[in-house]
Amino acid sequence: MAESWWITNKTRKTIVIGDLPRVPELGPNKKIDLLVYASKEEIGQSSVLSGLIQSGTFSLQKVSDVIRGT
C-alpha cells in the first residue's frame, strides 16, 4: 500500500513551512506530496503546518493507493 499526503497552497503567495525545513516553498495554488520530504511523525508534529491548515491557507488530503499483485 502506497500512501500520499498531498498539501495544496490555497493562496496567491509563496509559503514556507518553517518547522519542516526539507519541504520546499510552495507557490500559489501549488500541490506537493509531503511524504516525499518529511516523515509522518514530522508532519504530525508541525505546529506551523497545523496552523496553516486551521486557517484555511493550506488543505491536506491523505490518499492511500492499493498496490495489487498479479
Protein backbone atom coordinates (compact mmCIF):
# COMPACT_ATOMS: atom_id res chain seq x y z
CA MET A 1 0.00 0.00 0.00
CA ALA A 2 1.38 3.38 -1.03
CA GLU A 3 0.32 6.47 0.86
CA SER A 4 0.49 10.14 -0.11
CA TRP A 5 -0.29 13.27 1.88
CA TRP A 6 -1.00 15.97 -0.67
CA ILE A 7 -0.91 19.54 0.54
CA THR A 8 -2.23 22.45 -1.53
CA ASN A 9 -1.40 26.12 -1.06
CA LYS A 10 -4.76 27.86 -1.48
CA THR A 11 -3.33 31.40 -1.51
CA ARG A 12 -1.75 33.73 -4.04
CA LYS A 13 1.51 33.81 -2.06
CA THR A 14 4.54 31.52 -1.87
CA ILE A 15 4.63 29.92 1.59
CA VAL A 16 7.36 28.09 3.54
CA ILE A 17 6.52 25.65 6.34
CA GLY A 18 9.10 26.89 8.82
CA ASP A 19 9.37 23.80 11.03
CA LEU A 20 9.60 21.37 8.09
CA PRO A 21 12.89 22.55 6.55
CA ARG A 22 13.17 19.85 3.85
CA VAL A 23 9.76 20.75 2.40
CA PRO A 24 10.29 23.24 -0.43
CA GLU A 25 8.49 26.55 -0.57
CA LEU A 26 5.06 26.10 -2.04
CA GLY A 27 3.97 28.57 -4.69
CA PRO A 28 0.47 29.91 -5.21
CA ASN A 29 -2.13 27.21 -5.88
CA LYS A 30 0.61 24.53 -6.00
CA LYS A 31 0.33 21.00 -4.63
CA ILE A 32 3.01 18.55 -3.37
CA ASP A 33 3.19 15.20 -1.61
CA LEU A 34 4.56 15.92 1.87
CA LEU A 35 5.71 12.32 2.43
CA VAL A 36 8.39 12.84 -0.22
CA TYR A 37 10.05 15.42 2.05
CA ALA A 38 9.06 14.53 5.64
CA SER A 39 8.03 11.55 7.75
CA LYS A 40 4.52 11.11 9.14
CA GLU A 41 5.90 11.92 12.60
CA GLU A 42 7.47 15.19 11.42
CA ILE A 43 4.27 16.17 9.63
CA GLY A 44 2.15 15.36 12.68
CA GLN A 45 4.38 17.42 14.97
CA SER A 46 4.48 20.51 12.74
CA SER A 47 2.75 23.35 14.55
CA VAL A 48 3.26 25.66 11.56
CA LEU A 49 1.52 23.20 9.22
CA SER A 50 -1.34 22.74 11.71
CA GLY A 51 -1.83 26.50 11.85
CA LEU A 52 -1.83 26.82 8.05
CA ILE A 53 -4.45 24.08 7.73
CA GLN A 54 -6.64 25.51 10.51
CA SER A 55 -6.52 28.96 8.93
CA GLY A 56 -7.63 27.58 5.57
CA THR A 57 -4.39 28.64 3.89
CA PHE A 58 -3.47 25.01 3.08
CA SER A 59 -5.59 21.94 2.50
CA LEU A 60 -4.32 18.43 3.27
CA GLN A 61 -5.55 15.30 1.55
CA LYS A 62 -4.42 11.83 2.63
CA VAL A 63 -4.54 9.31 -0.22
CA SER A 64 -3.91 5.57 0.00
CA ASP A 65 -3.45 3.56 -3.16
CA VAL A 66 -3.75 -0.20 -3.03
CA ILE A 67 -0.99 -1.86 -5.00
CA ARG A 68 -2.30 -5.13 -6.36
CA GLY A 69 -0.04 -8.06 -7.15
CA THR A 70 -0.52 -10.07 -10.30
